[in-house]
Amino acid sequence: MKRQTLLKITNGVLAALMTTQAASGLLHARLSADTFELVHEHGAYLLIAAVVVHVVLNRAWIRSAFSRHKTQAD
């Protein structure tokens, strides 16, 4: 699968996971302890995994954005 396709999928998954995390955090008082643990706490592990995949797929951009290149003005 192409990197761009994987990024599109990963970005969608990240958006869904962040929305779920925010909603479950805001609705914590209305959720049972088991539901909160399943959705919020276990969802956090999925979110971390998706962030790692996102960073790995964008490592070339990260390297270029944070490397110190001398420009003409320097």
Protein backbone atom coordinates (compact mmCIF):
# COMPACT_ATOMS: atom_id res chain seq x y z
CA MET A 1 0.00 0.00 0.00
CA LYS A 2 1.25 3.49 -0.78
CA ARG A 3 2.47 5.77 1.99
CA GLN A 4 -0.07 8.47 1.09
CA THR A 5 -2.92 5.97 1.33
CA LEU A 6 -1.66 4.80 4.73
CA LEU A 7 -1.44 8.42 5.88
CA LYS A 8 -5.02 9.11 4.84
CA ILE A 9 -6.22 6.06 6.74
CA THR A 10 -4.07 6.91 9.76
CA ASN A 11 -5.31 10.51 9.81
CA GLY A 12 -8.92 9.33 9.76
CA VAL A 13 -8.25 6.88 12.58
CA LEU A 14 -6.48 9.62 14.58
CA ALA A 15 -9.44 11.97 14.14
CA ALA A 16 -11.91 9.30 15.26
CA LEU A 17 -9.79 8.32 18.27
CA MET A 18 -9.27 11.92 19.38
CA THR A 19 -13.00 12.59 19.09
CA THR A 20 -13.76 9.46 21.10
CA GLN A 21 -11.23 10.43 23.76
CA ALA A 22 -12.67 13.93 24.08
CA ALA A 23 -16.27 12.72 24.18
CA SER A 24 -15.59 10.00 26.73
CA GLY A 25 -13.61 12.44 28.88
CA LEU A 26 -16.42 14.99 28.82
CA LEU A 27 -19.07 12.33 29.48
CA HIS A 28 -17.09 10.56 32.18
CA ALA A 29 -19.72 11.20 34.86
CA ARG A 30 -22.46 9.70 32.69
CA LEU A 31 -20.56 6.54 31.71
CA SER A 32 -20.28 3.42 33.80
CA ALA A 33 -16.79 2.61 35.07
CA ASP A 34 -16.51 -0.36 32.71
CA THR A 35 -17.57 1.66 29.68
CA PHE A 36 -15.23 4.50 30.57
CA GLU A 37 -12.32 2.09 31.00
CA LEU A 38 -13.04 0.41 27.69
CA VAL A 39 -13.54 3.58 25.67
CA HIS A 40 -11.23 6.11 27.31
CA GLU A 41 -8.40 4.18 28.90
CA HIS A 42 -8.02 1.46 26.26
CA GLY A 43 -8.69 4.00 23.51
CA ALA A 44 -5.67 5.93 24.74
CA TYR A 45 -3.43 2.98 23.88
CA LEU A 46 -4.88 2.88 20.38
CA LEU A 47 -4.37 6.64 20.06
CA ILE A 48 -0.71 6.33 21.07
CA ALA A 49 -0.20 3.53 18.54
CA ALA A 50 -1.82 5.63 15.80
CA VAL A 51 0.38 8.61 16.69
CA VAL A 52 3.48 6.41 16.43
CA VAL A 53 2.37 5.17 12.98
CA HIS A 54 1.68 8.77 11.94
CA VAL A 55 5.14 9.93 13.04
CA VAL A 56 6.85 6.99 11.32
CA LEU A 57 4.99 7.70 8.07
CA ASN A 58 5.96 11.39 8.30
CA ARG A 59 9.58 10.92 9.41
CA ALA A 60 11.01 12.43 6.23
CA TRP A 61 8.96 15.62 6.67
CA ILE A 62 9.84 15.78 10.37
CA ARG A 63 13.54 15.43 9.58
CA SER A 64 13.43 18.15 6.93
CA ALA A 65 11.33 20.51 9.06
CA PHE A 66 13.55 20.26 12.11
CA SER A 67 16.98 19.99 10.54
CA ARG A 68 19.12 23.10 10.57
CA HIS A 69 19.69 24.26 7.03
CA LYS A 70 21.75 27.36 6.48
CA THR A 71 19.97 29.87 4.30
CA GLN A 72 21.39 32.85 2.43
CA ALA A 73 20.27 35.20 5.25
CA ASP A 74 22.22 33.21 7.91
